[in-house]
N, C-alpha and C. Protein backbone atom coordinates (compact mmCIF):
# COMPACT_ATOMS: atom_id res chain seq x y z
N MET A 1 0.81 -1.18 0.00
CA MET A 1 0.00 0.00 0.00
C MET A 1 0.87 1.26 0.00
N PHE A 2 1.93 1.26 0.81
CA PHE A 2 2.84 2.39 0.85
C PHE A 2 3.48 2.61 -0.52
N GLU A 3 3.87 1.53 -1.16
CA GLU A 3 4.49 1.63 -2.49
C GLU A 3 3.53 2.25 -3.51
N GLN A 4 2.25 1.89 -3.45
CA GLN A 4 1.26 2.45 -4.37
C GLN A 4 1.11 3.96 -4.17
N ARG A 5 1.06 4.38 -2.91
CA ARG A 5 0.91 5.82 -2.63
C ARG A 5 2.17 6.58 -3.07
N ARG A 6 3.33 6.00 -2.83
CA ARG A 6 4.57 6.64 -3.24
C ARG A 6 4.61 6.79 -4.76
N LYS A 7 4.15 5.77 -5.47
CA LYS A 7 4.10 5.80 -6.93
C LYS A 7 3.18 6.91 -7.42
N VAL A 8 2.01 7.07 -6.79
CA VAL A 8 1.07 8.12 -7.16
C VAL A 8 1.71 9.48 -6.95
N ILE A 9 2.34 9.68 -5.81
CA ILE A 9 3.00 10.96 -5.51
C ILE A 9 4.11 11.24 -6.52
N GLU A 10 4.92 10.25 -6.86
CA GLU A 10 5.99 10.43 -7.84
C GLU A 10 5.42 10.79 -9.22
N ASP A 11 4.33 10.11 -9.61
CA ASP A 11 3.70 10.39 -10.90
C ASP A 11 3.19 11.83 -10.97
N VAL A 12 2.53 12.27 -9.88
CA VAL A 12 2.00 13.64 -9.84
C VAL A 12 3.16 14.63 -9.87
N SER A 13 4.22 14.38 -9.12
CA SER A 13 5.37 15.29 -9.10
C SER A 13 6.03 15.37 -10.47
N THR A 14 6.18 14.24 -11.12
CA THR A 14 6.78 14.21 -12.46
C THR A 14 5.90 14.98 -13.44
N ALA A 15 4.60 14.79 -13.36
CA ALA A 15 3.67 15.51 -14.25
C ALA A 15 3.79 17.01 -14.04
N ARG A 16 3.89 17.45 -12.79
CA ARG A 16 4.01 18.89 -12.51
C ARG A 16 5.31 19.45 -13.06
N VAL A 17 6.40 18.72 -12.91
CA VAL A 17 7.69 19.16 -13.46
C VAL A 17 7.60 19.27 -14.98
N LYS A 18 6.95 18.28 -15.62
CA LYS A 18 6.79 18.33 -17.07
C LYS A 18 5.95 19.55 -17.47
N ASP A 19 4.88 19.84 -16.70
CA ASP A 19 4.05 21.00 -16.99
C ASP A 19 4.86 22.28 -16.88
N VAL A 20 5.69 22.40 -15.84
CA VAL A 20 6.53 23.59 -15.65
C VAL A 20 7.53 23.69 -16.79
N ASP A 21 8.16 22.58 -17.15
CA ASP A 21 9.12 22.59 -18.27
C ASP A 21 8.44 23.00 -19.56
N SER A 22 7.26 22.46 -19.82
CA SER A 22 6.53 22.77 -21.04
C SER A 22 6.15 24.25 -21.06
N SER A 23 5.69 24.76 -19.93
CA SER A 23 5.30 26.17 -19.83
C SER A 23 6.52 27.07 -20.05
N PHE A 24 7.63 26.72 -19.45
CA PHE A 24 8.86 27.50 -19.61
C PHE A 24 9.32 27.49 -21.06
N THR A 25 9.31 26.31 -21.69
CA THR A 25 9.70 26.19 -23.10
C THR A 25 8.78 27.03 -23.98
N HIS A 26 7.48 26.97 -23.71
CA HIS A 26 6.52 27.77 -24.48
C HIS A 26 6.80 29.26 -24.31
N THR A 27 7.06 29.68 -23.07
CA THR A 27 7.34 31.10 -22.80
C THR A 27 8.61 31.54 -23.53
N MET A 28 9.63 30.70 -23.52
CA MET A 28 10.89 31.05 -24.20
C MET A 28 10.68 31.15 -25.71
N LYS A 29 9.93 30.21 -26.29
CA LYS A 29 9.66 30.24 -27.72
C LYS A 29 8.84 31.47 -28.08
N ASN A 30 7.87 31.81 -27.24
CA ASN A 30 7.04 32.99 -27.47
C ASN A 30 7.89 34.26 -27.42
N THR A 31 8.79 34.34 -26.46
CA THR A 31 9.68 35.50 -26.34
C THR A 31 10.57 35.60 -27.57
N GLU A 32 11.12 34.48 -28.02
CA GLU A 32 11.95 34.47 -29.22
C GLU A 32 11.15 34.90 -30.45
N PHE A 33 9.92 34.43 -30.55
CA PHE A 33 9.04 34.79 -31.66
C PHE A 33 8.78 36.30 -31.65
N GLU A 34 8.43 36.85 -30.49
CA GLU A 34 8.16 38.29 -30.37
C GLU A 34 9.40 39.11 -30.72
N THR A 35 10.56 38.67 -30.29
CA THR A 35 11.80 39.37 -30.62
C THR A 35 12.04 39.35 -32.12
N THR A 36 11.80 38.21 -32.75
CA THR A 36 11.97 38.09 -34.20
C THR A 36 10.98 39.00 -34.93
N LEU A 37 9.73 39.02 -34.48
CA LEU A 37 8.73 39.91 -35.10
C LEU A 37 9.14 41.36 -35.00
N LYS A 38 9.60 41.78 -33.84
CA LYS A 38 10.04 43.17 -33.66
C LYS A 38 11.17 43.50 -34.62
N HIS A 39 12.09 42.56 -34.79
CA HIS A 39 13.20 42.80 -35.73
C HIS A 39 12.69 42.92 -37.16
N ILE A 40 11.84 41.99 -37.57
CA ILE A 40 11.31 42.02 -38.94
C ILE A 40 10.59 43.34 -39.20
N ARG A 41 9.84 43.83 -38.22
CA ARG A 41 9.07 45.06 -38.40
C ARG A 41 9.94 46.30 -38.47
N THR A 42 11.22 46.17 -38.16
CA THR A 42 12.14 47.31 -38.32
C THR A 42 12.69 47.38 -39.74
N LEU A 43 12.51 46.31 -40.52
CA LEU A 43 13.00 46.28 -41.89
C LEU A 43 12.12 47.13 -42.80
N PRO A 44 12.71 47.75 -43.83
CA PRO A 44 11.92 48.57 -44.74
C PRO A 44 10.76 47.78 -45.36
N SER A 45 9.59 48.38 -45.37
CA SER A 45 8.35 47.83 -45.95
C SER A 45 7.76 46.66 -45.16
N TYR A 46 8.28 46.35 -44.00
CA TYR A 46 7.74 45.25 -43.20
C TYR A 46 7.18 45.73 -41.86
N ASP A 47 6.85 47.00 -41.75
CA ASP A 47 6.39 47.55 -40.48
C ASP A 47 5.06 46.95 -40.02
N ARG A 48 4.28 46.36 -40.91
CA ARG A 48 2.99 45.76 -40.54
C ARG A 48 3.02 44.24 -40.70
N PHE A 49 4.20 43.63 -40.70
CA PHE A 49 4.34 42.19 -40.87
C PHE A 49 3.52 41.43 -39.84
N LEU A 50 2.64 40.54 -40.30
CA LEU A 50 1.73 39.71 -39.50
C LEU A 50 0.74 40.51 -38.67
N LEU A 51 0.47 41.73 -39.07
CA LEU A 51 -0.57 42.53 -38.43
C LEU A 51 -1.78 42.57 -39.35
N PRO A 52 -2.95 42.84 -38.81
CA PRO A 52 -4.12 42.95 -39.69
C PRO A 52 -3.94 44.13 -40.64
N PRO A 53 -4.65 44.10 -41.75
CA PRO A 53 -4.48 45.18 -42.72
C PRO A 53 -4.93 46.53 -42.15
N ASP A 54 -4.26 47.56 -42.58
CA ASP A 54 -4.64 48.93 -42.25
C ASP A 54 -5.81 49.28 -43.17
N MET A 55 -7.01 49.29 -42.62
CA MET A 55 -8.20 49.44 -43.46
C MET A 55 -8.25 50.80 -44.14
N ALA A 56 -7.76 51.84 -43.50
CA ALA A 56 -7.73 53.16 -44.16
C ALA A 56 -6.87 53.07 -45.42
N LYS A 57 -5.74 52.38 -45.32
CA LYS A 57 -4.86 52.21 -46.48
C LYS A 57 -5.54 51.36 -47.55
N GLN A 58 -6.26 50.31 -47.14
CA GLN A 58 -6.96 49.46 -48.10
C GLN A 58 -8.02 50.26 -48.87
N HIS A 59 -8.76 51.11 -48.17
CA HIS A 59 -9.78 51.93 -48.83
C HIS A 59 -9.12 52.93 -49.80
N GLU A 60 -7.98 53.44 -49.39
CA GLU A 60 -7.24 54.36 -50.27
C GLU A 60 -6.79 53.62 -51.54
N LEU A 61 -6.27 52.42 -51.39
CA LEU A 61 -5.84 51.64 -52.55
C LEU A 61 -7.02 51.29 -53.46
N ALA A 62 -8.20 51.12 -52.86
CA ALA A 62 -9.38 50.74 -53.63
C ALA A 62 -9.94 51.90 -54.46
N GLU A 63 -9.39 53.10 -54.31
CA GLU A 63 -9.82 54.21 -55.15
C GLU A 63 -9.52 53.93 -56.62
N ALA A 64 -8.50 53.11 -56.88
CA ALA A 64 -8.14 52.74 -58.26
C ALA A 64 -9.01 51.59 -58.77
N GLY A 65 -9.82 51.00 -57.91
CA GLY A 65 -10.68 49.88 -58.27
C GLY A 65 -10.86 48.97 -57.07
N SER A 66 -11.99 48.32 -57.00
CA SER A 66 -12.30 47.47 -55.86
C SER A 66 -11.26 46.36 -55.67
N ILE A 67 -11.05 46.00 -54.42
CA ILE A 67 -10.16 44.90 -54.05
C ILE A 67 -11.07 43.76 -53.59
N VAL A 68 -10.86 42.57 -54.13
CA VAL A 68 -11.72 41.44 -53.79
C VAL A 68 -10.85 40.28 -53.31
N PHE A 69 -11.18 39.76 -52.13
CA PHE A 69 -10.55 38.56 -51.59
C PHE A 69 -11.61 37.47 -51.61
N ILE A 70 -11.26 36.30 -52.07
CA ILE A 70 -12.18 35.16 -52.05
C ILE A 70 -11.69 34.17 -51.01
N HIS A 71 -12.57 33.88 -50.07
CA HIS A 71 -12.29 32.84 -49.07
C HIS A 71 -13.11 31.63 -49.48
N CYS A 72 -12.42 30.53 -49.76
CA CYS A 72 -13.10 29.33 -50.23
C CYS A 72 -13.15 28.28 -49.13
N GLU A 73 -14.30 27.64 -49.00
CA GLU A 73 -14.47 26.59 -48.01
C GLU A 73 -13.54 25.42 -48.32
N LEU A 74 -12.63 25.17 -47.41
CA LEU A 74 -11.77 23.98 -47.52
C LEU A 74 -12.16 22.96 -46.46
N VAL A 75 -12.75 23.45 -45.39
CA VAL A 75 -13.18 22.60 -44.28
C VAL A 75 -14.70 22.67 -44.20
N PRO A 76 -15.37 21.54 -44.23
CA PRO A 76 -16.84 21.57 -44.13
C PRO A 76 -17.30 22.36 -42.91
N GLY A 77 -18.30 23.17 -43.11
CA GLY A 77 -18.82 23.99 -42.01
C GLY A 77 -18.37 25.43 -42.07
N PHE A 78 -17.33 25.72 -42.84
CA PHE A 78 -16.88 27.10 -43.02
C PHE A 78 -17.34 27.56 -44.39
N GLN A 79 -18.17 28.56 -44.42
CA GLN A 79 -18.77 29.01 -45.66
C GLN A 79 -17.81 29.87 -46.48
N SER A 80 -17.86 29.70 -47.80
CA SER A 80 -17.08 30.53 -48.70
C SER A 80 -17.69 31.92 -48.77
N ALA A 81 -16.85 32.92 -49.01
CA ALA A 81 -17.33 34.29 -49.08
C ALA A 81 -16.33 35.14 -49.85
N ALA A 82 -16.80 36.28 -50.33
CA ALA A 82 -15.94 37.29 -50.93
C ALA A 82 -15.90 38.47 -49.98
N ILE A 83 -14.72 39.00 -49.74
CA ILE A 83 -14.57 40.24 -48.99
C ILE A 83 -14.25 41.31 -50.03
N ILE A 84 -15.09 42.31 -50.09
CA ILE A 84 -14.97 43.34 -51.12
C ILE A 84 -14.66 44.67 -50.45
N ILE A 85 -13.56 45.27 -50.89
CA ILE A 85 -13.14 46.56 -50.35
C ILE A 85 -13.27 47.60 -51.46
N THR A 86 -14.06 48.63 -51.21
CA THR A 86 -14.19 49.74 -52.14
C THR A 86 -13.57 50.96 -51.45
N ALA A 87 -13.53 52.06 -52.14
CA ALA A 87 -12.98 53.28 -51.54
C ALA A 87 -13.81 53.73 -50.34
N GLU A 88 -15.09 53.38 -50.34
CA GLU A 88 -15.98 53.85 -49.28
C GLU A 88 -16.20 52.86 -48.14
N ARG A 89 -16.21 51.56 -48.45
CA ARG A 89 -16.55 50.59 -47.40
C ARG A 89 -15.99 49.21 -47.69
N THR A 90 -16.13 48.33 -46.69
CA THR A 90 -15.75 46.93 -46.80
C THR A 90 -16.98 46.09 -46.47
N TYR A 91 -17.24 45.08 -47.27
CA TYR A 91 -18.36 44.21 -46.96
C TYR A 91 -18.07 42.79 -47.40
N MET A 92 -18.89 41.87 -46.87
CA MET A 92 -18.73 40.46 -47.17
C MET A 92 -19.93 39.98 -47.97
N LEU A 93 -19.66 39.21 -49.00
CA LEU A 93 -20.70 38.62 -49.82
C LEU A 93 -20.62 37.10 -49.67
N PRO A 94 -21.59 36.47 -49.02
CA PRO A 94 -21.56 35.00 -48.86
C PRO A 94 -21.60 34.32 -50.23
N LEU A 95 -20.83 33.26 -50.37
CA LEU A 95 -20.80 32.45 -51.59
C LEU A 95 -21.05 30.99 -51.19
N PRO A 96 -22.28 30.67 -50.78
CA PRO A 96 -22.56 29.36 -50.19
C PRO A 96 -22.34 28.17 -51.12
N LYS A 97 -22.38 28.38 -52.43
CA LYS A 97 -22.22 27.25 -53.36
C LYS A 97 -20.80 27.10 -53.89
N LEU A 98 -19.88 27.98 -53.47
CA LEU A 98 -18.51 27.92 -53.98
C LEU A 98 -17.70 26.90 -53.18
N ASP A 99 -17.13 25.93 -53.89
CA ASP A 99 -16.21 24.98 -53.27
C ASP A 99 -14.84 25.15 -53.90
N LYS A 100 -13.86 24.40 -53.44
CA LYS A 100 -12.49 24.57 -53.93
C LYS A 100 -12.38 24.32 -55.43
N ALA A 101 -13.04 23.28 -55.94
CA ALA A 101 -12.97 22.99 -57.38
C ALA A 101 -13.54 24.15 -58.19
N GLY A 102 -14.66 24.70 -57.75
CA GLY A 102 -15.26 25.84 -58.44
C GLY A 102 -14.37 27.06 -58.37
N ALA A 103 -13.76 27.30 -57.22
CA ALA A 103 -12.85 28.44 -57.07
C ALA A 103 -11.65 28.29 -58.01
N ASP A 104 -11.11 27.07 -58.09
CA ASP A 104 -9.97 26.83 -58.99
C ASP A 104 -10.35 27.11 -60.45
N ARG A 105 -11.54 26.68 -60.86
CA ARG A 105 -11.99 26.93 -62.24
C ARG A 105 -12.13 28.42 -62.51
N HIS A 106 -12.76 29.13 -61.58
CA HIS A 106 -12.95 30.58 -61.75
C HIS A 106 -11.60 31.29 -61.79
N MET A 107 -10.67 30.87 -60.96
CA MET A 107 -9.36 31.51 -60.92
C MET A 107 -8.63 31.33 -62.24
N GLN A 108 -8.70 30.14 -62.81
CA GLN A 108 -8.04 29.90 -64.10
C GLN A 108 -8.64 30.79 -65.20
N ASN A 109 -9.95 31.01 -65.13
CA ASN A 109 -10.60 31.89 -66.11
C ASN A 109 -10.25 33.36 -65.88
N MET A 110 -10.03 33.75 -64.63
CA MET A 110 -9.77 35.15 -64.30
C MET A 110 -8.32 35.56 -64.51
N LEU A 111 -7.40 34.65 -64.36
CA LEU A 111 -5.97 35.01 -64.41
C LEU A 111 -5.58 35.78 -65.67
N PRO A 112 -6.01 35.37 -66.86
CA PRO A 112 -5.60 36.13 -68.04
C PRO A 112 -6.13 37.57 -68.04
N ARG A 113 -7.20 37.83 -67.32
CA ARG A 113 -7.80 39.17 -67.30
C ARG A 113 -7.45 39.96 -66.05
N ALA A 114 -6.72 39.36 -65.15
CA ALA A 114 -6.43 40.03 -63.88
C ALA A 114 -5.58 41.27 -64.10
N HIS A 115 -5.87 42.28 -63.30
CA HIS A 115 -5.10 43.51 -63.37
C HIS A 115 -4.83 43.99 -61.94
N THR A 116 -3.59 44.28 -61.68
CA THR A 116 -3.24 44.89 -60.42
C THR A 116 -2.29 46.03 -60.73
N PRO A 117 -2.23 47.05 -59.84
CA PRO A 117 -1.32 48.16 -60.09
C PRO A 117 0.14 47.74 -60.16
N ARG A 118 0.49 46.62 -59.52
CA ARG A 118 1.88 46.17 -59.51
C ARG A 118 2.18 45.23 -60.68
N GLY A 119 1.17 44.91 -61.47
CA GLY A 119 1.38 44.07 -62.64
C GLY A 119 1.40 42.59 -62.36
N GLY A 120 0.98 42.16 -61.16
CA GLY A 120 0.97 40.74 -60.82
C GLY A 120 -0.36 40.35 -60.25
N VAL A 121 -0.47 39.10 -59.87
CA VAL A 121 -1.71 38.58 -59.27
C VAL A 121 -1.46 38.37 -57.80
């Protein structure tokens, strides 16, 4: 009986040490990640790296023509939609019948006609 209780105590102690080690490792990796992000954001043209888009800037860019992002359902339960940015506003248009195969077909048809100010897609 004593051996069983000692085993339980050792198992709990080992689990706690592993939790502390895991938490410490996670904290160190997070700190390293944050330091790397800060460095990247000091580089020219990367000041918004991994940040959400600056919507004022997006609306300004849309003065030359609407910006459209298509989100296609890859995982069942997540609905496809278009995010449309104009100079005045941003809105979402649900695309409930769009699946990946349909999106691929539409993209192949659109590529020859695509136009961006930078000359790429």
